[in-house]
Structures are given as C-alpha cells and as structure tokens.
C-alpha cells in the first residue's frame, strides 16, 4: 500500500463509508520509464482532519 492508498482509505472511512475487499478487481496503471520523474510527481504531504 502506498501513501495515496492510505490517504484515500482513511478519508473514506472518516466519512463513515465502508471498504470491501474484491479479490477479482483489476487495476491498470501506466508504466513508468524512470523513477525520478514519478517520485517528483507524487504528493509529499498528507492532510487528515479528525472530527469529533
């Protein structure tokens, strides 16, 4: 799991939504030729706001 997956699932759960595992799910992702541009493109912050 990468940071984006963690942020997405945390925000989803904080909204009271449920997550369900789907063993037959397919996810397509564009291949990268070089790691440096990919890393540079990634967000470097995680902003979560707790309610309550």
C-alpha atoms as a PDB file:
ATOM      1  CA  UNK A   1       0.000   0.000   0.000  1.00  0.00           C
ATOM      2  CA  UNK A   2       1.366   3.388  -0.871  1.00  0.00           C
ATOM      3  CA  UNK A   3       0.697   6.713   0.820  1.00  0.00           C
ATOM      4  CA  UNK A   4      -2.042   7.655  -1.657  1.00  0.00           C
ATOM      5  CA  UNK A   5      -3.909   4.417  -0.895  1.00  0.00           C
ATOM      6  CA  UNK A   6      -3.617   5.093   2.823  1.00  0.00           C
ATOM      7  CA  UNK A   7      -4.834   8.678   2.480  1.00  0.00           C
ATOM      8  CA  UNK A   8      -7.770   7.679   0.268  1.00  0.00           C
ATOM      9  CA  UNK A   9      -8.926   4.846   2.518  1.00  0.00           C
ATOM     10  CA  UNK A  10      -8.524   6.956   5.683  1.00  0.00           C
ATOM     11  CA  UNK A  11     -10.571   9.824   4.245  1.00  0.00           C
ATOM     12  CA  UNK A  12     -13.186   7.345   3.037  1.00  0.00           C
ATOM     13  CA  UNK A  13     -13.504   5.748   6.489  1.00  0.00           C
ATOM     14  CA  UNK A  14     -13.640   9.149   8.207  1.00  0.00           C
ATOM     15  CA  UNK A  15     -16.693   9.932   6.067  1.00  0.00           C
ATOM     16  CA  UNK A  16     -18.417   6.848   7.506  1.00  0.00           C
ATOM     17  CA  UNK A  17     -18.127   4.814   4.314  1.00  0.00           C
ATOM     18  CA  UNK A  18     -17.169   1.155   4.195  1.00  0.00           C
ATOM     19  CA  UNK A  19     -14.395  -0.576   2.302  1.00  0.00           C
ATOM     20  CA  UNK A  20     -14.851  -4.041   0.863  1.00  0.00           C
ATOM     21  CA  UNK A  21     -12.173  -6.383  -0.475  1.00  0.00           C
ATOM     22  CA  UNK A  22     -12.736  -7.535  -4.054  1.00  0.00           C
ATOM     23  CA  UNK A  23     -10.434 -10.411  -4.976  1.00  0.00           C
ATOM     24  CA  UNK A  24     -11.457 -10.194  -8.636  1.00  0.00           C
ATOM     25  CA  UNK A  25     -10.757  -6.451  -9.022  1.00  0.00           C
ATOM     26  CA  UNK A  26      -8.355  -5.387 -11.772  1.00  0.00           C
ATOM     27  CA  UNK A  27      -6.363  -2.163 -11.600  1.00  0.00           C
ATOM     28  CA  UNK A  28      -4.445  -0.816 -14.562  1.00  0.00           C
ATOM     29  CA  UNK A  29      -1.552   1.551 -14.029  1.00  0.00           C
ATOM     30  CA  UNK A  30       0.623   3.332 -16.525  1.00  0.00           C
ATOM     31  CA  UNK A  31       4.173   2.006 -16.528  1.00  0.00           C
ATOM     32  CA  UNK A  32       6.961   4.451 -15.751  1.00  0.00           C
ATOM     33  CA  UNK A  33      10.219   4.613 -17.646  1.00  0.00           C
ATOM     34  CA  UNK A  34      12.229   6.347 -14.908  1.00  0.00           C
ATOM     35  CA  UNK A  35      11.684   6.540 -11.154  1.00  0.00           C
ATOM     36  CA  UNK A  36      12.850  10.123 -10.563  1.00  0.00           C
ATOM     37  CA  UNK A  37      10.039  11.863 -12.534  1.00  0.00           C
ATOM     38  CA  UNK A  38       7.498   9.553 -10.883  1.00  0.00           C
ATOM     39  CA  UNK A  39       8.763  10.372  -7.385  1.00  0.00           C
ATOM     40  CA  UNK A  40       8.830  14.090  -8.202  1.00  0.00           C
ATOM     41  CA  UNK A  41       5.171  13.846  -9.292  1.00  0.00           C
ATOM     42  CA  UNK A  42       3.968  12.299  -6.006  1.00  0.00           C
ATOM     43  CA  UNK A  43       2.372  14.480  -3.340  1.00  0.00           C
ATOM     44  CA  UNK A  44       4.684  14.984  -0.360  1.00  0.00           C
ATOM     45  CA  UNK A  45       2.088  15.776   2.234  1.00  0.00           C
ATOM     46  CA  UNK A  46      -0.747  14.045   3.994  1.00  0.00           C
ATOM     47  CA  UNK A  47      -3.509  16.183   5.422  1.00  0.00           C
ATOM     48  CA  UNK A  48      -6.076  14.457   7.598  1.00  0.00           C
ATOM     49  CA  UNK A  49      -8.639  16.242   9.706  1.00  0.00           C
ATOM     50  CA  UNK A  50     -10.182  14.385  12.623  1.00  0.00           C
ATOM     51  CA  UNK A  51     -13.759  15.207  13.510  1.00  0.00           C
ATOM     52  CA  UNK A  52     -15.299  14.984  16.918  1.00  0.00           C
END
